[in-house]
């Protein structure tokens, strides 16, 4: 089968298409013929030697954790899927899943039925981003109806789904984004959108119950600045980079809470997310679909930092 592999860390030029043996499912696993694979910032960060490079180790390895496709074979003990089922998932994260390839194997319960109302390309854009948003908003912050939630980088792959998930919980959603994405984010459910290029968001909003920071302190100290927007006892969920000792101390001084999060595979949550997609509560934005051979172009586009939604690789 074809995969996109790399033999060394570096820029997108290290990515190349090679042939490797097709895997077979072990007990409790399924073999999925991948129709589309999503790309994420963690992909290019790992490619260059950061991200999940510490987990994957030294190259060669195959990137990719977002997949959508069709079950081709089931291992012993699998009862949740049958051959021919359409599925999507984020297998194995943060260990290697090999999503940039024609086939993947993983435990069946790390997958869920593909939402019927969307394409394979849209489905491949969902798992890592939506699970990150879900686990931050629903599992960690336990956002309730009527709460005020600030989501930074709202137009990105995680951000646009986080806006919609928070809104589906009945929250009042405030987001940051460049001006060109304001009308779109309001359509997705944001009540207020702040142009982070024109003003300091912490000067524009206060009494926030939960901040979901998708930019992190590497981007203009966004997590640290977010603390100023929280009500006493409010919660900051800092997604990229987690919570540094300095950020934890600042949160303690201000009487608020701060936590990091690392997304985990969760087939049951993907079923719940899929139901929201199929009933129209969540729209999945795919900015561009490229063939597998153009993985380097996908990485270059994602690294520009101005993508709306997700970039997806097609394998069919």
C-alpha atoms as a PDB file:
ATOM      1  CA  UNK A   1       0.000   0.000   0.000  1.00  0.00           C
ATOM      2  CA  UNK A   2       1.015   3.635  -0.469  1.00  0.00           C
ATOM      3  CA  UNK A   3       1.946   5.783   2.515  1.00  0.00           C
ATOM      4  CA  UNK A   4       3.544   9.183   3.023  1.00  0.00           C
ATOM      5  CA  UNK A   5       6.685   8.576   5.040  1.00  0.00           C
ATOM      6  CA  UNK A   6       9.752  10.539   6.105  1.00  0.00           C
ATOM      7  CA  UNK A   7      13.314   9.412   6.813  1.00  0.00           C
ATOM      8  CA  UNK A   8      14.420  12.488   8.737  1.00  0.00           C
ATOM      9  CA  UNK A   9      13.016  15.518  10.552  1.00  0.00           C
ATOM     10  CA  UNK A  10      12.725  18.696   8.512  1.00  0.00           C
ATOM     11  CA  UNK A  11      10.504  20.864   6.358  1.00  0.00           C
ATOM     12  CA  UNK A  12       7.758  19.509   4.109  1.00  0.00           C
ATOM     13  CA  UNK A  13      10.292  18.366   1.495  1.00  0.00           C
ATOM     14  CA  UNK A  14      11.127  15.327   3.682  1.00  0.00           C
ATOM     15  CA  UNK A  15       7.682  13.819   2.978  1.00  0.00           C
ATOM     16  CA  UNK A  16       7.616  11.153   0.259  1.00  0.00           C
ATOM     17  CA  UNK A  17       5.255   8.472  -1.003  1.00  0.00           C
ATOM     18  CA  UNK A  18       6.549   4.910  -0.557  1.00  0.00           C
ATOM     19  CA  UNK A  19       5.144   1.384  -0.685  1.00  0.00           C
ATOM     20  CA  UNK A  20       4.886  -0.683   2.512  1.00  0.00           C
ATOM     21  CA  UNK A  21       3.173  -3.983   3.387  1.00  0.00           C
ATOM     22  CA  UNK A  22      -0.560  -3.862   4.033  1.00  0.00           C
ATOM     23  CA  UNK A  23      -1.338  -4.507   7.734  1.00  0.00           C
ATOM     24  CA  UNK A  24      -3.659  -7.158   9.156  1.00  0.00           C
ATOM     25  CA  UNK A  25      -5.970  -6.585  12.116  1.00  0.00           C
ATOM     26  CA  UNK A  26      -5.132  -8.215  15.443  1.00  0.00           C
ATOM     27  CA  UNK A  27      -7.879  -9.395  17.826  1.00  0.00           C
ATOM     28  CA  UNK A  28     -10.303  -6.519  18.681  1.00  0.00           C
ATOM     29  CA  UNK A  29      -8.965  -4.480  15.735  1.00  0.00           C
ATOM     30  CA  UNK A  30     -10.423  -3.537  12.359  1.00  0.00           C
ATOM     31  CA  UNK A  31      -8.683  -2.948   9.037  1.00  0.00           C
ATOM     32  CA  UNK A  32      -9.938   0.263   7.432  1.00  0.00           C
ATOM     33  CA  UNK A  33      -9.445   1.153   3.780  1.00  0.00           C
ATOM     34  CA  UNK A  34      -8.796   4.882   4.096  1.00  0.00           C
ATOM     35  CA  UNK A  35     -10.712   7.143   1.716  1.00  0.00           C
ATOM     36  CA  UNK A  36      -9.514  10.415   3.247  1.00  0.00           C
ATOM     37  CA  UNK A  37      -7.056  11.551   5.914  1.00  0.00           C
ATOM     38  CA  UNK A  38      -7.199  14.808   7.829  1.00  0.00           C
ATOM     39  CA  UNK A  39      -4.175  16.988   8.530  1.00  0.00           C
ATOM     40  CA  UNK A  40      -3.539  18.819  11.779  1.00  0.00           C
ATOM     41  CA  UNK A  41      -0.916  21.191  13.228  1.00  0.00           C
ATOM     42  CA  UNK A  42       0.486  18.309  15.279  1.00  0.00           C
ATOM     43  CA  UNK A  43       1.398  16.635  11.977  1.00  0.00           C
ATOM     44  CA  UNK A  44       3.767  19.309  10.743  1.00  0.00           C
ATOM     45  CA  UNK A  45       5.126  19.917  14.235  1.00  0.00           C
ATOM     46  CA  UNK A  46       5.968  16.218  14.548  1.00  0.00           C
ATOM     47  CA  UNK A  47       7.433  16.191  11.042  1.00  0.00           C
ATOM     48  CA  UNK A  48       9.917  18.891  12.015  1.00  0.00           C
ATOM     49  CA  UNK A  49      10.852  17.231  15.329  1.00  0.00           C
ATOM     50  CA  UNK A  50       8.491  18.701  17.934  1.00  0.00           C
ATOM     51  CA  UNK A  51       4.801  17.796  18.410  1.00  0.00           C
ATOM     52  CA  UNK A  52       4.569  14.041  19.085  1.00  0.00           C
ATOM     53  CA  UNK A  53       8.140  13.341  17.925  1.00  0.00           C
ATOM     54  CA  UNK A  54       9.033  12.382  21.480  1.00  0.00           C
ATOM     55  CA  UNK A  55       6.370   9.658  21.351  1.00  0.00           C
ATOM     56  CA  UNK A  56       6.996   8.436  17.803  1.00  0.00           C
ATOM     57  CA  UNK A  57      10.772   8.504  18.151  1.00  0.00           C
ATOM     58  CA  UNK A  58      13.156   9.017  15.256  1.00  0.00           C
ATOM     59  CA  UNK A  59      12.048   8.592  11.627  1.00  0.00           C
ATOM     60  CA  UNK A  60      11.152   6.756   9.525  1.00  0.00           C
ATOM     61  CA  UNK A  61       7.486   6.983  10.450  1.00  0.00           C
ATOM     62  CA  UNK A  62       4.112   7.724   8.845  1.00  0.00           C
ATOM     63  CA  UNK A  63       2.149  10.709  10.118  1.00  0.00           C
ATOM     64  CA  UNK A  64      -1.607  11.151  10.348  1.00  0.00           C
ATOM     65  CA  UNK A  65      -4.280  10.405  12.960  1.00  0.00           C
ATOM     66  CA  UNK A  66      -7.541  11.497  11.279  1.00  0.00           C
ATOM     67  CA  UNK A  67      -9.062   8.877   8.972  1.00  0.00           C
ATOM     68  CA  UNK A  68     -12.372   8.090   7.304  1.00  0.00           C
ATOM     69  CA  UNK A  69     -12.977   4.987   5.252  1.00  0.00           C
ATOM     70  CA  UNK A  70     -14.579   1.552   4.973  1.00  0.00           C
ATOM     71  CA  UNK A  71     -14.057  -1.517   7.136  1.00  0.00           C
ATOM     72  CA  UNK A  72     -12.330  -4.167   5.005  1.00  0.00           C
ATOM     73  CA  UNK A  73     -11.578  -6.800   7.632  1.00  0.00           C
ATOM     74  CA  UNK A  74     -12.370  -7.395  11.302  1.00  0.00           C
ATOM     75  CA  UNK A  75     -10.216  -9.098  13.905  1.00  0.00           C
ATOM     76  CA  UNK A  76     -11.336 -11.761  16.347  1.00  0.00           C
ATOM     77  CA  UNK A  77     -13.750 -10.483  18.975  1.00  0.00           C
ATOM     78  CA  UNK A  78     -15.009  -7.402  17.109  1.00  0.00           C
ATOM     79  CA  UNK A  79     -18.794  -7.046  17.340  1.00  0.00           C
ATOM     80  CA  UNK A  80     -19.284  -3.296  16.876  1.00  0.00           C
ATOM     81  CA  UNK A  81     -18.608  -3.185  13.104  1.00  0.00           C
ATOM     82  CA  UNK A  82     -19.015  -5.350  10.040  1.00  0.00           C
ATOM     83  CA  UNK A  83     -17.116  -5.480   6.761  1.00  0.00           C
ATOM     84  CA  UNK A  84     -18.397  -2.682   4.537  1.00  0.00           C
ATOM     85  CA  UNK A  85     -19.269  -0.250   7.329  1.00  0.00           C
ATOM     86  CA  UNK A  86     -18.282   3.383   6.802  1.00  0.00           C
ATOM     87  CA  UNK A  87     -16.276   4.646   9.773  1.00  0.00           C
ATOM     88  CA  UNK A  88     -14.175   7.536  11.017  1.00  0.00           C
ATOM     89  CA  UNK A  89     -11.741   7.851  13.885  1.00  0.00           C
ATOM     90  CA  UNK A  90      -8.551   9.108  15.489  1.00  0.00           C
ATOM     91  CA  UNK A  91      -6.733   5.825  16.146  1.00  0.00           C
ATOM     92  CA  UNK A  92      -3.817   5.345  18.531  1.00  0.00           C
ATOM     93  CA  UNK A  93      -3.092   9.015  19.294  1.00  0.00           C
ATOM     94  CA  UNK A  94      -0.472  10.017  20.401  1.00  0.00           C
ATOM     95  CA  UNK A  95       1.221   6.812  19.210  1.00  0.00           C
ATOM     96  CA  UNK A  96       1.729   6.286  15.488  1.00  0.00           C
ATOM     97  CA  UNK A  97      -1.433   5.496  13.538  1.00  0.00           C
ATOM     98  CA  UNK A  98      -0.156   5.860   9.964  1.00  0.00           C
ATOM     99  CA  UNK A  99      -3.166   7.835   8.793  1.00  0.00           C
ATOM    100  CA  UNK A 100      -1.355   9.067   5.681  1.00  0.00           C
ATOM    101  CA  UNK A 101      -1.760   5.657   4.081  1.00  0.00           C
ATOM    102  CA  UNK A 102      -4.216   3.498   2.178  1.00  0.00           C
ATOM    103  CA  UNK A 103      -4.976   1.231   5.164  1.00  0.00           C
ATOM    104  CA  UNK A 104      -4.880   1.487   8.947  1.00  0.00           C
ATOM    105  CA  UNK A 105      -5.539  -1.010  11.726  1.00  0.00           C
ATOM    106  CA  UNK A 106      -6.638  -0.050  15.224  1.00  0.00           C
ATOM    107  CA  UNK A 107      -8.967  -1.149  18.035  1.00  0.00           C
ATOM    108  CA  UNK A 108     -12.549  -1.088  16.806  1.00  0.00           C
ATOM    109  CA  UNK A 109     -13.741   1.081  19.682  1.00  0.00           C
ATOM    110  CA  UNK A 110     -11.473   3.912  18.601  1.00  0.00           C
ATOM    111  CA  UNK A 111     -13.784   4.351  15.597  1.00  0.00           C
ATOM    112  CA  UNK A 112     -17.409   5.362  15.140  1.00  0.00           C
ATOM    113  CA  UNK A 113     -19.888   5.174  12.251  1.00  0.00           C
ATOM    114  CA  UNK A 114     -19.197   7.933   9.736  1.00  0.00           C
ATOM    115  CA  UNK A 115     -21.913  10.611   9.905  1.00  0.00           C
ATOM    116  CA  UNK A 116     -24.254   9.792   7.032  1.00  0.00           C
ATOM    117  CA  UNK A 117     -24.820  13.408   6.017  1.00  0.00           C
ATOM    118  CA  UNK A 118     -21.201  14.246   5.142  1.00  0.00           C
ATOM    119  CA  UNK A 119     -18.555  13.031   2.716  1.00  0.00           C
ATOM    120  CA  UNK A 120     -15.483  10.971   3.578  1.00  0.00           C
ATOM    121  CA  UNK A 121     -13.394  14.117   3.116  1.00  0.00           C
ATOM    122  CA  UNK A 122     -15.495  16.045   5.627  1.00  0.00           C
ATOM    123  CA  UNK A 123     -15.512  13.106   8.032  1.00  0.00           C
ATOM    124  CA  UNK A 124     -11.710  12.902   7.924  1.00  0.00           C
ATOM    125  CA  UNK A 125     -11.581  16.538   9.038  1.00  0.00           C
ATOM    126  CA  UNK A 126     -13.493  15.805  12.238  1.00  0.00           C
ATOM    127  CA  UNK A 127     -11.924  13.361  14.724  1.00  0.00           C
ATOM    128  CA  UNK A 128      -8.812  14.986  16.211  1.00  0.00           C
ATOM    129  CA  UNK A 129     -10.218  18.508  16.057  1.00  0.00           C
ATOM    130  CA  UNK A 130     -13.699  17.654  17.304  1.00  0.00           C
ATOM    131  CA  UNK A 131     -12.446  15.339  20.048  1.00  0.00           C
ATOM    132  CA  UNK A 132     -10.067  18.053  21.234  1.00  0.00           C
ATOM    133  CA  UNK A 133     -12.954  20.508  21.408  1.00  0.00           C
ATOM    134  CA  UNK A 134     -15.321  17.967  22.982  1.00  0.00           C
ATOM    135  CA  UNK A 135     -12.877  16.818  25.634  1.00  0.00           C
ATOM    136  CA  UNK A 136     -12.036  20.427  26.513  1.00  0.00           C
ATOM    137  CA  UNK A 137     -15.599  21.762  26.578  1.00  0.00           C
ATOM    138  CA  UNK A 138     -17.714  18.777  27.640  1.00  0.00           C
ATOM    139  CA  UNK A 139     -15.409  16.472  29.600  1.00  0.00           C
ATOM    140  CA  UNK A 140     -12.971  18.935  31.192  1.00  0.00           C
ATOM    141  CA  UNK A 141     -14.821  22.245  31.559  1.00  0.00           C
ATOM    142  CA  UNK A 142     -18.288  20.640  31.736  1.00  0.00           C
ATOM    143  CA  UNK A 143     -19.784  23.729  30.114  1.00  0.00           C
ATOM    144  CA  UNK A 144     -23.420  24.361  30.997  1.00  0.00           C
ATOM    145  CA  UNK A 145     -26.217  26.339  29.404  1.00  0.00           C
ATOM    146  CA  UNK A 146     -25.938  30.063  30.079  1.00  0.00           C
ATOM    147  CA  UNK A 147     -22.208  30.092  30.719  1.00  0.00           C
ATOM    148  CA  UNK A 148     -19.936  32.499  28.873  1.00  0.00           C
ATOM    149  CA  UNK A 149     -17.186  30.761  26.902  1.00  0.00           C
ATOM    150  CA  UNK A 150     -14.266  32.479  25.158  1.00  0.00           C
ATOM    151  CA  UNK A 151     -12.653  30.492  22.338  1.00  0.00           C
ATOM    152  CA  UNK A 152      -9.446  31.829  20.817  1.00  0.00           C
ATOM    153  CA  UNK A 153      -8.499  31.035  17.203  1.00  0.00           C
ATOM    154  CA  UNK A 154     -12.134  30.298  16.458  1.00  0.00           C
ATOM    155  CA  UNK A 155     -11.766  29.945  12.690  1.00  0.00           C
ATOM    156  CA  UNK A 156      -9.287  27.068  12.805  1.00  0.00           C
ATOM    157  CA  UNK A 157      -9.843  23.337  12.593  1.00  0.00           C
ATOM    158  CA  UNK A 158     -10.467  22.894  16.317  1.00  0.00           C
ATOM    159  CA  UNK A 159     -11.847  26.381  16.807  1.00  0.00           C
ATOM    160  CA  UNK A 160     -14.794  26.287  14.415  1.00  0.00           C
ATOM    161  CA  UNK A 161     -15.931  22.980  15.908  1.00  0.00           C
ATOM    162  CA  UNK A 162     -15.397  24.242  19.467  1.00  0.00           C
ATOM    163  CA  UNK A 163     -17.624  27.253  18.756  1.00  0.00           C
ATOM    164  CA  UNK A 164     -20.410  24.941  17.621  1.00  0.00           C
ATOM    165  CA  UNK A 165     -20.007  22.393  20.419  1.00  0.00           C
ATOM    166  CA  UNK A 166     -20.095  25.131  23.055  1.00  0.00           C
ATOM    167  CA  UNK A 167     -23.155  26.648  21.396  1.00  0.00           C
ATOM    168  CA  UNK A 168     -24.861  23.240  21.321  1.00  0.00           C
ATOM    169  CA  UNK A 169     -24.427  23.157  25.111  1.00  0.00           C
ATOM    170  CA  UNK A 170     -26.355  26.425  25.398  1.00  0.00           C
ATOM    171  CA  UNK A 171     -23.334  28.602  26.132  1.00  0.00           C
ATOM    172  CA  UNK A 172     -22.841  32.195  25.067  1.00  0.00           C
ATOM    173  CA  UNK A 173     -19.800  31.980  22.789  1.00  0.00           C
ATOM    174  CA  UNK A 174     -17.235  34.734  22.294  1.00  0.00           C
ATOM    175  CA  UNK A 175     -14.420  34.053  19.839  1.00  0.00           C
ATOM    176  CA  UNK A 176     -11.317  35.696  18.428  1.00  0.00           C
ATOM    177  CA  UNK A 177     -10.572  35.704  14.704  1.00  0.00           C
ATOM    178  CA  UNK A 178      -9.439  37.990  11.925  1.00  0.00           C
ATOM    179  CA  UNK A 179     -12.142  40.246  10.504  1.00  0.00           C
ATOM    180  CA  UNK A 180     -12.686  38.152   7.359  1.00  0.00           C
ATOM    181  CA  UNK A 181     -14.046  35.280   9.470  1.00  0.00           C
ATOM    182  CA  UNK A 182     -16.401  37.253  11.702  1.00  0.00           C
ATOM    183  CA  UNK A 183     -19.623  36.785   9.738  1.00  0.00           C
ATOM    184  CA  UNK A 184     -18.907  33.081   9.270  1.00  0.00           C
ATOM    185  CA  UNK A 185     -18.287  32.491  12.984  1.00  0.00           C
ATOM    186  CA  UNK A 186     -21.507  34.288  13.848  1.00  0.00           C
ATOM    187  CA  UNK A 187     -23.298  31.920  11.477  1.00  0.00           C
ATOM    188  CA  UNK A 188     -21.744  29.026  13.406  1.00  0.00           C
ATOM    189  CA  UNK A 189     -23.089  30.368  16.686  1.00  0.00           C
ATOM    190  CA  UNK A 190     -20.639  32.888  18.126  1.00  0.00           C
ATOM    191  CA  UNK A 191     -22.447  35.804  19.759  1.00  0.00           C
ATOM    192  CA  UNK A 192     -19.410  38.084  19.716  1.00  0.00           C
ATOM    193  CA  UNK A 193     -16.280  37.903  17.552  1.00  0.00           C
ATOM    194  CA  UNK A 194     -13.206  39.971  18.410  1.00  0.00           C
ATOM    195  CA  UNK A 195     -10.622  40.964  15.805  1.00  0.00           C
ATOM    196  CA  UNK A 196      -7.388  39.983  17.538  1.00  0.00           C
ATOM    197  CA  UNK A 197      -5.383  41.882  14.919  1.00  0.00           C
ATOM    198  CA  UNK A 198      -7.042  45.196  15.835  1.00  0.00           C
ATOM    199  CA  UNK A 199      -7.575  45.068  19.616  1.00  0.00           C
ATOM    200  CA  UNK A 200      -6.382  43.189  22.697  1.00  0.00           C
ATOM    201  CA  UNK A 201      -9.164  40.719  23.380  1.00  0.00           C
ATOM    202  CA  UNK A 202      -8.606  40.903  27.155  1.00  0.00           C
ATOM    203  CA  UNK A 203      -9.607  44.584  26.979  1.00  0.00           C
ATOM    204  CA  UNK A 204     -12.882  43.755  25.231  1.00  0.00           C
ATOM    205  CA  UNK A 205     -14.400  40.958  27.320  1.00  0.00           C
ATOM    206  CA  UNK A 206     -14.779  40.036  31.003  1.00  0.00           C
ATOM    207  CA  UNK A 207     -16.687  37.743  33.378  1.00  0.00           C
ATOM    208  CA  UNK A 208     -15.918  34.670  31.281  1.00  0.00           C
ATOM    209  CA  UNK A 209     -16.688  31.285  32.845  1.00  0.00           C
ATOM    210  CA  UNK A 210     -14.436  29.189  30.589  1.00  0.00           C
ATOM    211  CA  UNK A 211     -11.642  30.043  28.163  1.00  0.00           C
ATOM    212  CA  UNK A 212     -10.707  27.456  25.548  1.00  0.00           C
ATOM    213  CA  UNK A 213      -7.345  28.767  24.361  1.00  0.00           C
ATOM    214  CA  UNK A 214      -6.326  27.249  21.038  1.00  0.00           C
ATOM    215  CA  UNK A 215      -3.440  29.651  20.399  1.00  0.00           C
ATOM    216  CA  UNK A 216      -1.274  29.173  23.491  1.00  0.00           C
ATOM    217  CA  UNK A 217       1.385  31.333  25.079  1.00  0.00           C
ATOM    218  CA  UNK A 218       3.713  30.857  22.104  1.00  0.00           C
ATOM    219  CA  UNK A 219       1.278  33.110  20.225  1.00  0.00           C
ATOM    220  CA  UNK A 220       1.615  36.500  21.941  1.00  0.00           C
ATOM    221  CA  UNK A 221       1.131  35.074  25.472  1.00  0.00           C
ATOM    222  CA  UNK A 222      -2.495  34.273  24.656  1.00  0.00           C
ATOM    223  CA  UNK A 223      -3.081  31.895  27.585  1.00  0.00           C
ATOM    224  CA  UNK A 224      -1.588  34.333  30.095  1.00  0.00           C
ATOM    225  CA  UNK A 225      -3.659  37.186  28.714  1.00  0.00           C
ATOM    226  CA  UNK A 226      -6.782  34.993  28.784  1.00  0.00           C
ATOM    227  CA  UNK A 227      -6.619  34.804  32.570  1.00  0.00           C
ATOM    228  CA  UNK A 228      -7.637  38.463  32.747  1.00  0.00           C
ATOM    229  CA  UNK A 229     -10.975  37.705  31.083  1.00  0.00           C
ATOM    230  CA  UNK A 230     -12.091  35.077  33.608  1.00  0.00           C
ATOM    231  CA  UNK A 231     -14.497  35.613  36.481  1.00  0.00           C
ATOM    232  CA  UNK A 232     -13.235  34.573  39.939  1.00  0.00           C
ATOM    233  CA  UNK A 233     -13.011  30.772  39.953  1.00  0.00           C
ATOM    234  CA  UNK A 234     -13.262  30.596  36.156  1.00  0.00           C
ATOM    235  CA  UNK A 235     -11.357  27.994  34.155  1.00  0.00           C
ATOM    236  CA  UNK A 236      -8.722  28.294  31.432  1.00  0.00           C
ATOM    237  CA  UNK A 237      -8.187  25.210  29.266  1.00  0.00           C
ATOM    238  CA  UNK A 238      -4.896  25.809  27.472  1.00  0.00           C
ATOM    239  CA  UNK A 239      -4.705  23.347  24.571  1.00  0.00           C
ATOM    240  CA  UNK A 240      -1.347  23.895  22.831  1.00  0.00           C
ATOM    241  CA  UNK A 241       1.544  23.519  25.221  1.00  0.00           C
ATOM    242  CA  UNK A 242      -0.510  22.989  28.379  1.00  0.00           C
ATOM    243  CA  UNK A 243       0.104  24.997  31.542  1.00  0.00           C
ATOM    244  CA  UNK A 244       3.610  26.213  32.324  1.00  0.00           C
ATOM    245  CA  UNK A 245       4.686  26.867  35.946  1.00  0.00           C
ATOM    246  CA  UNK A 246       4.486  30.599  35.256  1.00  0.00           C
ATOM    247  CA  UNK A 247       0.945  30.311  33.907  1.00  0.00           C
ATOM    248  CA  UNK A 248      -0.115  28.178  36.884  1.00  0.00           C
ATOM    249  CA  UNK A 249       1.287  30.769  39.313  1.00  0.00           C
ATOM    250  CA  UNK A 250      -0.468  33.601  37.495  1.00  0.00           C
ATOM    251  CA  UNK A 251      -3.785  31.735  37.608  1.00  0.00           C
ATOM    252  CA  UNK A 252      -3.385  31.137  41.350  1.00  0.00           C
ATOM    253  CA  UNK A 253      -2.663  34.829  41.968  1.00  0.00           C
ATOM    254  CA  UNK A 254      -5.773  35.845  40.026  1.00  0.00           C
ATOM    255  CA  UNK A 255      -8.046  33.349  41.741  1.00  0.00           C
ATOM    256  CA  UNK A 256      -8.815  31.331  38.636  1.00  0.00           C
ATOM    257  CA  UNK A 257      -8.040  27.792  37.479  1.00  0.00           C
ATOM    258  CA  UNK A 258      -5.896  26.585  34.579  1.00  0.00           C
ATOM    259  CA  UNK A 259      -5.400  23.164  33.046  1.00  0.00           C
ATOM    260  CA  UNK A 260      -3.943  21.641  29.922  1.00  0.00           C
ATOM    261  CA  UNK A 261      -5.412  18.828  27.828  1.00  0.00           C
ATOM    262  CA  UNK A 262      -4.162  16.202  25.398  1.00  0.00           C
ATOM    263  CA  UNK A 263      -6.802  14.620  23.203  1.00  0.00           C
ATOM    264  CA  UNK A 264      -7.489  10.868  23.492  1.00  0.00           C
ATOM    265  CA  UNK A 265      -9.189   8.394  21.135  1.00  0.00           C
ATOM    266  CA  UNK A 266     -12.883   8.067  22.023  1.00  0.00           C
ATOM    267  CA  UNK A 267     -15.253   6.236  19.706  1.00  0.00           C
ATOM    268  CA  UNK A 268     -18.289   6.895  21.901  1.00  0.00           C
ATOM    269  CA  UNK A 269     -17.703  10.657  21.847  1.00  0.00           C
ATOM    270  CA  UNK A 270     -17.361  10.468  18.059  1.00  0.00           C
ATOM    271  CA  UNK A 271     -20.787   8.820  17.923  1.00  0.00           C
ATOM    272  CA  UNK A 272     -22.238  11.744  19.873  1.00  0.00           C
ATOM    273  CA  UNK A 273     -20.409  14.253  17.678  1.00  0.00           C
ATOM    274  CA  UNK A 274     -21.646  12.413  14.586  1.00  0.00           C
ATOM    275  CA  UNK A 275     -25.231  12.743  15.794  1.00  0.00           C
ATOM    276  CA  UNK A 276     -24.760  16.513  16.129  1.00  0.00           C
ATOM    277  CA  UNK A 277     -23.351  16.640  12.602  1.00  0.00           C
ATOM    278  CA  UNK A 278     -26.266  14.657  11.185  1.00  0.00           C
ATOM    279  CA  UNK A 279     -28.908  16.783  12.931  1.00  0.00           C
ATOM    280  CA  UNK A 280     -27.321  19.972  11.584  1.00  0.00           C
ATOM    281  CA  UNK A 281     -25.936  21.281  14.884  1.00  0.00           C
ATOM    282  CA  UNK A 282     -22.332  21.052  13.655  1.00  0.00           C
ATOM    283  CA  UNK A 283     -21.004  22.114  10.263  1.00  0.00           C
ATOM    284  CA  UNK A 284     -17.620  20.753   9.172  1.00  0.00           C
ATOM    285  CA  UNK A 285     -15.469  23.185   7.180  1.00  0.00           C
ATOM    286  CA  UNK A 286     -12.939  21.768   4.718  1.00  0.00           C
ATOM    287  CA  UNK A 287     -10.899  24.465   3.031  1.00  0.00           C
ATOM    288  CA  UNK A 288      -9.019  22.220   0.621  1.00  0.00           C
ATOM    289  CA  UNK A 289      -8.818  18.586  -0.502  1.00  0.00           C
ATOM    290  CA  UNK A 290      -5.512  17.416  -1.983  1.00  0.00           C
ATOM    291  CA  UNK A 291      -4.310  14.025  -3.234  1.00  0.00           C
ATOM    292  CA  UNK A 292      -2.097  11.966  -0.928  1.00  0.00           C
ATOM    293  CA  UNK A 293       0.909  12.797  -3.089  1.00  0.00           C
ATOM    294  CA  UNK A 294       0.476  16.482  -2.184  1.00  0.00           C
ATOM    295  CA  UNK A 295       0.909  15.999   1.566  1.00  0.00           C
ATOM    296  CA  UNK A 296       3.786  18.497   1.497  1.00  0.00           C
ATOM    297  CA  UNK A 297       1.485  21.153  -0.009  1.00  0.00           C
ATOM    298  CA  UNK A 298      -1.069  20.429   2.705  1.00  0.00           C
ATOM    299  CA  UNK A 299       1.562  20.955   5.394  1.00  0.00           C
ATOM    300  CA  UNK A 300       2.760  24.193   3.816  1.00  0.00           C
ATOM    301  CA  UNK A 301      -0.795  25.532   3.669  1.00  0.00           C
ATOM    302  CA  UNK A 302      -1.502  24.554   7.288  1.00  0.00           C
ATOM    303  CA  UNK A 303       1.726  26.154   8.501  1.00  0.00           C
ATOM    304  CA  UNK A 304       0.657  29.477   7.021  1.00  0.00           C
ATOM    305  CA  UNK A 305      -1.645  29.815  10.028  1.00  0.00           C
ATOM    306  CA  UNK A 306      -4.560  31.251   8.060  1.00  0.00           C
ATOM    307  CA  UNK A 307      -6.552  28.126   7.212  1.00  0.00           C
ATOM    308  CA  UNK A 308     -10.317  28.182   7.671  1.00  0.00           C
ATOM    309  CA  UNK A 309     -11.318  24.763   8.949  1.00  0.00           C
ATOM    310  CA  UNK A 310      -9.249  21.793   7.779  1.00  0.00           C
ATOM    311  CA  UNK A 311      -7.079  20.546   4.895  1.00  0.00           C
ATOM    312  CA  UNK A 312      -7.720  16.944   3.895  1.00  0.00           C
ATOM    313  CA  UNK A 313      -5.849  14.348   1.837  1.00  0.00           C
ATOM    314  CA  UNK A 314      -7.841  12.140  -0.544  1.00  0.00           C
ATOM    315  CA  UNK A 315      -6.791   8.529  -1.149  1.00  0.00           C
ATOM    316  CA  UNK A 316      -9.414   7.493  -3.697  1.00  0.00           C
END
